[in-house]
């Protein structure tokens, strides 16, 4: 017993013990005062606003709010209560809502905030909310479906074109305020095509542009897709001229007065650049003008095929029309006296040829004013003794007057006998 008394006496006389006890008593007194004697206190909380627009009155009326900061609103809430009460909950237990009940048509409204007090301790009271309301504009909410296009930058090499476009998805649905949705001109995949010569594939974020090519703020919009894959087919193309060759198998040149037209004068071809560069024109074929007597004359030609190349259009044939305006056919009769003046070419030595044909007609076509210059006297006529037909006759070679263009409608053969 004496030892216990001595221990207590020693402990009470210890400076260290007295210091510890003083601290403990001070803490107890502070706690008692804060929780019992002076329990009231205030605290500030920054709270994110729960917008809760879905299912609200304006939402059901198909109105769209133009909320700032993408709808990320915050308020400052001041609460009062005892410290012990504040220890019983966290700031996450404070829920601030917006009251949309007053919104019934498009316009600007002051939307008031209110606190859900269900999670607050009974002795905690709300001192203030700042801001008390937000001024929010409401518009008619519309839905629009739009095709995705490409927004290209850069320049393709000369002759190369984008020949096909494919986007996945191909369409996008946009929901939002009417004024903003109506301002959308294009929904694009941005793509760089600079100096590309082959197909481009890429995946990019979608960009919404107005009619001036400016980006549209999407914070008030709901878009069902935010990115898309694009495939641009890039190929070399070239326009190639179509031609036909016209001739007269009986001789002479009718091209100066022959008018040729085509159902299409050019075709666009696609394929290897080197192969296409070697093609300057496409020759469809030949037309013998000697066979044409009725105008206009129309003949159809199939487009030729080229390995490694293809035609861009669906055209497989071309109609060629021949016209010879202001032309006539003149029949010229040669009598025996005219024939006797003919000369011979390719004559063999030691032979004397003699023409036995007494007369014939030759048909010549030309411009009407040129035909006046053609007659039995202006035509130079020579018998070619080197050529002979199956009837044993020899052809006449006609030479037109200088400066005259004409075509013969048939080949004239005459009878010749040889003396000696």
Protein backbone atom coordinates (compact mmCIF):
# COMPACT_ATOMS: atom_id res chain seq x y z
CA UNK A 1 0.00 0.00 0.00
CA UNK A 2 2.82 2.33 0.84
CA UNK A 3 4.49 1.52 -2.48
CA UNK A 4 1.31 2.46 -4.41
CA UNK A 5 1.03 5.75 -2.52
CA UNK A 6 4.63 6.50 -3.29
CA UNK A 7 4.09 5.75 -7.01
CA UNK A 8 1.05 8.06 -7.24
CA UNK A 9 2.86 10.80 -5.31
CA UNK A 10 5.84 10.47 -7.63
CA UNK A 11 3.61 10.52 -10.73
CA UNK A 12 1.77 13.65 -9.57
CA UNK A 13 5.04 15.40 -8.92
CA UNK A 14 6.37 14.44 -12.41
CA UNK A 15 6.57 17.36 -14.84
CA UNK A 16 6.21 15.05 -17.86
CA UNK A 17 3.01 13.52 -16.53
CA UNK A 18 1.56 16.93 -15.79
CA UNK A 19 2.34 18.11 -19.36
CA UNK A 20 0.56 15.07 -20.91
CA UNK A 21 -2.46 15.51 -18.68
CA UNK A 22 -2.63 19.21 -19.54
CA UNK A 23 -2.77 18.41 -23.28
CA UNK A 24 -5.44 15.74 -22.78
CA UNK A 25 -7.58 18.02 -20.66
CA UNK A 26 -7.24 20.81 -23.24
CA UNK A 27 -8.37 18.50 -26.06
CA UNK A 28 -11.33 17.33 -24.01
CA UNK A 29 -12.35 20.88 -23.16
CA UNK A 30 -12.01 21.96 -26.87
CA UNK A 31 -14.09 19.01 -28.02
CA UNK A 32 -16.72 19.67 -25.37
CA UNK A 33 -17.03 23.34 -26.28
CA UNK A 34 -17.27 22.64 -30.04
CA UNK A 35 -19.81 19.87 -29.68
CA UNK A 36 -21.90 20.98 -26.72
CA UNK A 37 -21.32 24.55 -25.66
CA UNK A 38 -20.93 26.08 -29.19
CA UNK A 39 -22.17 23.39 -31.62
CA UNK A 40 -23.06 25.58 -34.62
CA UNK A 41 -20.62 26.01 -37.55
CA UNK A 42 -20.79 26.70 -41.31
CA UNK A 43 -19.03 24.98 -44.15
CA UNK A 44 -18.66 25.69 -47.89
CA UNK A 45 -18.98 22.93 -50.49
CA UNK A 46 -18.40 23.13 -54.27
CA UNK A 47 -20.95 20.77 -55.73
CA UNK A 48 -21.43 19.57 -59.34
CA UNK A 49 -24.99 20.19 -60.51
CA UNK A 50 -26.98 17.14 -61.50
CA UNK A 51 -28.75 18.41 -64.62
CA UNK A 52 -31.29 15.58 -64.80
CA UNK A 53 -32.85 16.81 -68.07
CA UNK A 54 -34.09 13.45 -69.32
CA UNK A 55 -37.77 13.07 -68.58
CA UNK A 56 -38.21 16.69 -67.53
CA UNK A 57 -41.08 18.89 -68.75
CA UNK A 58 -39.12 20.57 -71.60
CA UNK A 59 -37.57 17.26 -72.58
CA UNK A 60 -41.05 15.81 -73.07
CA UNK A 61 -41.98 18.93 -75.05
CA UNK A 62 -39.05 18.19 -77.42
CA UNK A 63 -37.03 21.24 -76.35
CA UNK A 64 -33.23 21.33 -76.22
CA UNK A 65 -31.25 23.37 -73.63
CA UNK A 66 -28.17 25.32 -74.65
CA UNK A 67 -26.08 24.51 -71.59
CA UNK A 68 -22.65 26.06 -71.09
CA UNK A 69 -19.54 23.99 -70.40
CA UNK A 70 -21.16 20.95 -72.00
CA UNK A 71 -23.59 20.87 -69.10
CA UNK A 72 -20.82 20.71 -66.46
CA UNK A 73 -22.30 23.20 -63.96
CA UNK A 74 -21.08 23.75 -60.38
CA UNK A 75 -22.57 25.56 -57.38
CA UNK A 76 -21.26 26.70 -54.03
CA UNK A 77 -23.37 25.42 -51.13
CA UNK A 78 -23.09 26.79 -47.57
CA UNK A 79 -24.41 24.52 -44.78
CA UNK A 80 -24.65 25.14 -41.04
CA UNK A 81 -24.59 22.61 -38.24
CA UNK A 82 -22.51 21.17 -35.46
CA UNK A 83 -19.09 19.76 -36.13
CA UNK A 84 -20.31 16.40 -35.02
CA UNK A 85 -23.01 16.54 -37.68
CA UNK A 86 -20.49 17.48 -40.34
CA UNK A 87 -18.48 14.42 -39.42
CA UNK A 88 -21.41 12.20 -40.36
CA UNK A 89 -21.51 12.95 -44.12
CA UNK A 90 -19.32 13.81 -47.13
CA UNK A 91 -19.61 16.46 -49.84
CA UNK A 92 -20.70 13.71 -52.26
CA UNK A 93 -23.87 13.40 -50.19
CA UNK A 94 -24.96 16.89 -51.31
CA UNK A 95 -27.00 16.73 -54.52
CA UNK A 96 -27.96 19.92 -56.39
CA UNK A 97 -30.63 19.74 -59.11
CA UNK A 98 -32.14 22.11 -61.67
CA UNK A 99 -35.86 22.84 -61.70
CA UNK A 100 -37.08 22.76 -65.32
CA UNK A 101 -40.78 22.79 -64.48
CA UNK A 102 -41.29 26.38 -65.72
CA UNK A 103 -40.08 25.65 -69.28
CA UNK A 104 -42.98 25.07 -71.66
CA UNK A 105 -41.83 26.67 -74.96
CA UNK A 106 -38.65 27.97 -76.69
CA UNK A 107 -37.02 30.96 -75.00
CA UNK A 108 -34.62 32.00 -72.22
CA UNK A 109 -35.52 30.92 -68.68
CA UNK A 110 -34.01 31.37 -65.21
CA UNK A 111 -33.64 27.77 -64.07
CA UNK A 112 -33.42 27.62 -60.27
CA UNK A 113 -31.25 25.22 -58.32
CA UNK A 114 -32.43 23.16 -55.35
CA UNK A 115 -30.76 20.72 -52.96
CA UNK A 116 -31.89 17.18 -52.29
CA UNK A 117 -31.80 17.22 -48.47
CA UNK A 118 -32.63 13.55 -47.99
CA UNK A 119 -29.02 12.63 -47.24
CA UNK A 120 -28.28 15.56 -44.92
CA UNK A 121 -28.29 15.06 -41.10
CA UNK A 122 -31.39 16.42 -39.42
CA UNK A 123 -29.54 19.23 -37.60
CA UNK A 124 -27.75 20.51 -40.73
CA UNK A 125 -29.45 23.42 -42.45
CA UNK A 126 -28.92 25.07 -45.85
CA UNK A 127 -27.64 28.62 -45.55
CA UNK A 128 -27.14 29.52 -49.24
CA UNK A 129 -26.71 28.27 -52.81
CA UNK A 130 -24.69 30.28 -55.30
CA UNK A 131 -25.70 30.73 -58.04
CA UNK A 132 -29.36 30.41 -57.23
CA UNK A 133 -30.27 30.02 -60.90
CA UNK A 134 -28.82 29.69 -64.40
CA UNK A 135 -30.16 31.59 -67.41
CA UNK A 136 -30.60 28.90 -70.06
CA UNK A 137 -31.94 29.19 -73.61
CA UNK A 138 -34.23 26.49 -74.95
CA UNK A 139 -34.86 25.72 -78.62
CA UNK A 140 -36.93 23.25 -80.55
CA UNK A 141 -35.05 19.93 -80.64
CA UNK A 142 -34.74 18.38 -84.10
CA UNK A 143 -33.25 15.18 -85.50
CA UNK A 144 -31.42 15.09 -88.81
CA UNK A 145 -29.73 12.29 -90.73
CA UNK A 146 -26.85 13.28 -92.99
CA UNK A 147 -24.43 11.54 -95.33
CA UNK A 148 -20.74 11.53 -94.46
CA UNK A 149 -18.43 13.18 -96.97
CA UNK A 150 -14.70 13.83 -97.24
CA UNK A 151 -12.91 17.05 -96.33
CA UNK A 152 -9.73 16.80 -98.37
CA UNK A 153 -6.57 18.84 -98.06
CA UNK A 154 -3.66 18.85 -100.48
CA UNK A 155 -3.59 18.37 -104.23
CA UNK A 156 -3.48 15.23 -106.32
CA UNK A 157 -0.89 14.97 -109.12
CA UNK A 158 -2.03 16.10 -112.56
CA UNK A 159 -4.40 13.62 -114.15
CA UNK A 160 -5.31 11.84 -110.90
CA UNK A 161 -8.86 11.99 -109.56
CA UNK A 162 -10.90 10.62 -106.69
CA UNK A 163 -13.07 8.14 -108.59
CA UNK A 164 -14.96 6.55 -105.68
CA UNK A 165 -15.72 7.28 -102.02
CA UNK A 166 -16.77 4.83 -99.32
CA UNK A 167 -17.53 5.69 -95.70
CA UNK A 168 -18.35 3.42 -92.79
CA UNK A 169 -20.81 4.33 -91.42
CA UNK A 170 -22.22 6.17 -94.41
CA UNK A 171 -24.72 8.28 -92.42
CA UNK A 172 -24.82 10.10 -89.08
CA UNK A 173 -27.81 11.11 -86.96
CA UNK A 174 -27.59 14.49 -85.23
CA UNK A 175 -29.97 15.63 -82.47
CA UNK A 176 -29.96 19.11 -81.00
CA UNK A 177 -31.25 22.70 -81.12
CA UNK A 178 -32.83 23.52 -84.47
CA UNK A 179 -30.69 26.59 -85.18
CA UNK A 180 -27.49 24.60 -84.77
CA UNK A 181 -28.64 21.46 -86.56
CA UNK A 182 -29.94 23.53 -89.48
CA UNK A 183 -26.56 25.26 -89.79
CA UNK A 184 -24.77 21.98 -90.54
CA UNK A 185 -23.79 21.91 -94.20
CA UNK A 186 -21.54 18.84 -94.21
CA UNK A 187 -20.32 16.11 -91.90
CA UNK A 188 -16.81 15.22 -93.00
CA UNK A 189 -13.89 12.89 -92.52
CA UNK A 190 -10.72 15.06 -92.80
CA UNK A 191 -8.24 13.44 -95.21
CA UNK A 192 -4.89 14.52 -96.65
CA UNK A 193 -4.63 13.54 -100.34
CA UNK A 194 -1.55 15.58 -101.25
CA UNK A 195 0.35 13.94 -104.15
CA UNK A 196 -1.32 10.57 -103.63
CA UNK A 197 -1.52 8.21 -106.60
CA UNK A 198 -3.26 5.25 -104.99
CA UNK A 199 -6.27 4.42 -102.82
CA UNK A 200 -6.36 6.09 -99.39
CA UNK A 201 -7.91 4.45 -96.31
CA UNK A 202 -8.08 6.10 -92.90
CA UNK A 203 -10.14 6.46 -89.69
CA UNK A 204 -10.72 10.00 -88.39
CA UNK A 205 -12.91 11.97 -86.00
CA UNK A 206 -15.92 13.50 -87.75
CA UNK A 207 -15.99 17.25 -88.34
CA UNK A 208 -19.20 19.26 -88.69
CA UNK A 209 -18.98 22.26 -91.03
CA UNK A 210 -21.32 25.12 -91.88
CA UNK A 211 -21.86 26.58 -95.35
CA UNK A 212 -18.71 28.73 -94.99
CA UNK A 213 -16.56 25.71 -94.17
CA UNK A 214 -16.26 26.69 -90.50
CA UNK A 215 -16.35 24.10 -87.72
CA UNK A 216 -19.58 23.89 -85.73
CA UNK A 217 -19.53 23.74 -81.93
CA UNK A 218 -20.93 20.30 -81.06
CA UNK A 219 -21.39 20.80 -77.30
CA UNK A 220 -25.17 21.17 -77.66
CA UNK A 221 -25.52 18.24 -80.05
CA UNK A 222 -25.97 14.51 -79.66
CA UNK A 223 -24.26 12.58 -82.48
CA UNK A 224 -24.64 8.84 -82.78
CA UNK A 225 -21.17 8.46 -84.35
CA UNK A 226 -18.03 10.45 -83.61
CA UNK A 227 -15.63 8.85 -86.07
CA UNK A 228 -15.75 7.06 -89.42
CA UNK A 229 -13.50 5.06 -91.71
CA UNK A 230 -12.98 6.38 -95.23
CA UNK A 231 -11.76 4.80 -98.44
CA UNK A 232 -10.97 7.08 -101.37
CA UNK A 233 -10.21 5.38 -104.68
CA UNK A 234 -7.62 7.44 -106.55
CA UNK A 235 -6.90 6.70 -110.21
CA UNK A 236 -5.29 8.25 -113.28
CA UNK A 237 -7.75 9.39 -115.95
CA UNK A 238 -7.35 10.96 -119.36
CA UNK A 239 -9.71 12.25 -122.03
CA UNK A 240 -8.89 10.75 -125.40
CA UNK A 241 -10.10 12.02 -128.77
CA UNK A 242 -12.00 9.68 -131.11
CA UNK A 243 -11.31 9.65 -134.86
CA UNK A 244 -12.24 7.72 -137.98
CA UNK A 245 -10.31 7.60 -141.24
CA UNK A 246 -12.22 8.46 -144.41
CA UNK A 247 -11.02 7.52 -147.88
CA UNK A 248 -12.27 6.90 -151.40
CA UNK A 249 -11.11 3.55 -152.74
CA UNK A 250 -11.49 4.81 -156.29
CA UNK A 251 -9.03 7.59 -155.65
CA UNK A 252 -8.91 11.32 -154.99
CA UNK A 253 -9.56 13.26 -151.80
CA UNK A 254 -13.03 14.12 -150.47
CA UNK A 255 -11.92 15.07 -146.97
CA UNK A 256 -11.94 18.86 -147.59
CA UNK A 257 -15.75 18.90 -147.85
CA UNK A 258 -16.59 15.87 -145.68
CA UNK A 259 -18.07 16.76 -142.29
CA UNK A 260 -17.66 14.13 -139.57
CA UNK A 261 -19.51 14.22 -136.26
CA UNK A 262 -19.52 11.78 -133.34
CA UNK A 263 -22.15 10.86 -130.76
CA UNK A 264 -19.28 11.53 -128.38
CA UNK A 265 -16.02 13.11 -129.50
CA UNK A 266 -13.98 12.14 -126.45
CA UNK A 267 -13.97 9.26 -124.00
CA UNK A 268 -12.44 9.20 -120.54
CA UNK A 269 -10.08 6.32 -119.89
CA UNK A 270 -8.69 5.14 -116.57
CA UNK A 271 -5.69 3.06 -115.68
CA UNK A 272 -1.92 3.02 -115.70
CA UNK A 273 -0.50 6.50 -116.24
CA UNK A 274 2.34 5.30 -118.47
CA UNK A 275 0.00 3.32 -120.73
CA UNK A 276 -2.49 6.17 -121.02
CA UNK A 277 0.20 8.74 -121.73
CA UNK A 278 1.09 6.80 -124.89
CA UNK A 279 -2.47 7.11 -126.25
CA UNK A 280 -3.19 10.45 -127.94
CA UNK A 281 -6.30 9.36 -129.88
CA UNK A 282 -8.41 6.30 -130.58
CA UNK A 283 -8.90 5.29 -134.20
CA UNK A 284 -12.33 3.69 -134.49
CA UNK A 285 -11.82 2.46 -138.05
CA UNK A 286 -12.20 3.49 -141.68
CA UNK A 287 -15.15 4.66 -143.79
CA UNK A 288 -15.05 4.32 -147.57
CA UNK A 289 -16.75 7.44 -148.91
CA UNK A 290 -17.24 5.82 -152.30
CA UNK A 291 -19.95 3.64 -150.75
CA UNK A 292 -21.94 6.62 -149.47
CA UNK A 293 -24.56 8.13 -151.71
CA UNK A 294 -27.30 9.14 -149.24
CA UNK A 295 -26.67 11.77 -146.55
CA UNK A 296 -26.47 11.84 -143.63
CA UNK A 297 -24.68 8.52 -143.39
CA UNK A 298 -24.42 6.98 -139.90
CA UNK A 299 -22.18 4.08 -138.92
CA UNK A 300 -21.66 2.61 -135.44
CA UNK A 301 -18.22 1.62 -134.18
CA UNK A 302 -17.41 -0.40 -131.06
CA UNK A 303 -14.80 1.08 -128.75
CA UNK A 304 -11.58 -0.94 -128.88
CA UNK A 305 -10.30 -2.63 -125.72
CA UNK A 306 -6.90 -2.01 -124.15
CA UNK A 307 -5.23 -4.31 -121.66
CA UNK A 308 -4.83 -2.62 -118.30
CA UNK A 309 -7.15 0.27 -119.21
CA UNK A 310 -10.86 0.85 -118.94
CA UNK A 311 -13.46 3.36 -120.07
CA UNK A 312 -15.00 5.43 -117.28
CA UNK A 313 -18.43 5.79 -118.91
CA UNK A 314 -20.82 3.00 -119.84
CA UNK A 315 -20.47 3.81 -123.56
CA UNK A 316 -19.44 0.77 -125.58
CA UNK A 317 -20.05 2.12 -129.09
CA UNK A 318 -19.95 5.44 -130.93
CA UNK A 319 -22.12 6.61 -133.81
CA UNK A 320 -20.23 8.42 -136.57
CA UNK A 321 -22.22 10.68 -138.91
CA UNK A 322 -20.94 11.67 -142.35
CA UNK A 323 -22.30 14.69 -144.16
CA UNK A 324 -21.16 16.32 -147.44
CA UNK A 325 -23.10 19.59 -147.60
CA UNK A 326 -23.38 21.41 -150.96
CA UNK A 327 -22.05 18.44 -152.92
CA UNK A 328 -23.46 16.85 -156.06
CA UNK A 329 -22.66 13.88 -158.25
CA UNK A 330 -21.90 14.62 -161.87
CA UNK A 331 -21.91 12.03 -164.64
CA UNK A 332 -19.39 12.75 -167.40
CA UNK A 333 -19.61 10.89 -170.72
CA UNK A 334 -16.49 10.08 -172.69
CA UNK A 335 -16.98 9.45 -176.41
CA UNK A 336 -14.67 7.68 -178.85
CA UNK A 337 -13.04 10.95 -179.83
CA UNK A 338 -12.31 11.73 -176.19
CA UNK A 339 -10.99 8.22 -175.55
CA UNK A 340 -8.54 8.42 -178.45
CA UNK A 341 -6.72 11.18 -176.56
CA UNK A 342 -5.98 8.92 -173.56
CA UNK A 343 -2.34 8.08 -172.90
CA UNK A 344 -0.82 4.89 -171.48
CA UNK A 345 1.38 4.26 -168.47
CA UNK A 346 3.47 1.19 -167.66
CA UNK A 347 3.56 0.33 -171.35
CA UNK A 348 5.79 -2.59 -172.41
CA UNK A 349 8.25 -2.04 -175.24
CA UNK A 350 7.59 -3.48 -178.68
CA UNK A 351 3.81 -3.27 -178.18
CA UNK A 352 1.27 -0.83 -179.54
CA UNK A 353 -1.87 -0.64 -177.36
CA UNK A 354 -5.19 0.41 -178.84
CA UNK A 355 -8.35 1.24 -176.88
CA UNK A 356 -11.35 -0.58 -178.28
CA UNK A 357 -13.96 0.81 -175.83
CA UNK A 358 -15.96 3.44 -177.67
CA UNK A 359 -17.63 5.28 -174.75
CA UNK A 360 -18.25 5.22 -171.01
CA UNK A 361 -19.66 7.28 -168.12
CA UNK A 362 -17.75 8.30 -165.01
CA UNK A 363 -19.47 9.61 -161.85
CA UNK A 364 -17.68 12.29 -159.84
CA UNK A 365 -18.76 13.93 -156.55
CA UNK A 366 -17.62 17.34 -155.41
CA UNK A 367 -18.83 20.72 -154.29
CA UNK A 368 -21.29 22.14 -156.80
CA UNK A 369 -19.05 25.04 -157.81
CA UNK A 370 -16.04 22.73 -158.28
CA UNK A 371 -17.97 20.38 -160.56
CA UNK A 372 -18.14 23.19 -163.10
CA UNK A 373 -14.37 22.87 -163.46
CA UNK A 374 -14.50 19.15 -164.22
CA UNK A 375 -15.26 17.87 -167.74
CA UNK A 376 -13.80 15.63 -170.41
CA UNK A 377 -11.28 18.28 -171.33
CA UNK A 378 -10.04 19.18 -167.82
CA UNK A 379 -9.53 15.56 -166.73
CA UNK A 380 -6.24 13.95 -167.55
CA UNK A 381 -6.86 10.28 -168.39
CA UNK A 382 -4.23 7.54 -168.44
CA UNK A 383 -4.65 3.80 -168.96
CA UNK A 384 -2.59 1.68 -166.54
CA UNK A 385 -1.33 -1.29 -168.52
CA UNK A 386 0.29 -2.88 -165.51
CA UNK A 387 -3.02 -3.75 -163.84
CA UNK A 388 -5.76 -5.86 -165.35
CA UNK A 389 -9.08 -7.10 -163.96
CA UNK A 390 -10.69 -10.49 -164.22
CA UNK A 391 -12.39 -9.44 -167.46
CA UNK A 392 -9.10 -8.57 -169.10
CA UNK A 393 -9.74 -4.82 -168.86
CA UNK A 394 -7.39 -2.06 -167.74
CA UNK A 395 -8.12 0.77 -165.28
CA UNK A 396 -8.16 4.44 -166.13
CA UNK A 397 -6.19 6.77 -163.85
CA UNK A 398 -7.84 10.20 -163.69
CA UNK A 399 -6.02 13.38 -162.66
CA UNK A 400 -8.19 16.28 -161.50
CA UNK A 401 -7.57 19.90 -162.40
CA UNK A 402 -5.27 21.71 -159.99
CA UNK A 403 -7.01 22.95 -156.86
CA UNK A 404 -10.06 20.73 -157.29
CA UNK A 405 -11.16 18.21 -154.65
CA UNK A 406 -13.47 15.43 -155.81
CA UNK A 407 -14.14 11.74 -155.44
CA UNK A 408 -14.90 9.09 -158.04
CA UNK A 409 -17.91 6.92 -157.39
CA UNK A 410 -16.62 3.90 -159.32
CA UNK A 411 -13.54 2.47 -161.00
CA UNK A 412 -13.57 2.63 -164.80
CA UNK A 413 -12.02 -0.22 -166.78
CA UNK A 414 -11.72 -0.25 -170.61
CA UNK A 415 -10.83 -2.74 -173.28
CA UNK A 416 -7.37 -2.56 -174.87
CA UNK A 417 -5.85 -4.63 -177.67
CA UNK A 418 -2.19 -4.83 -178.49
CA UNK A 419 -0.69 -4.68 -182.00
CA UNK A 420 2.72 -6.11 -182.82
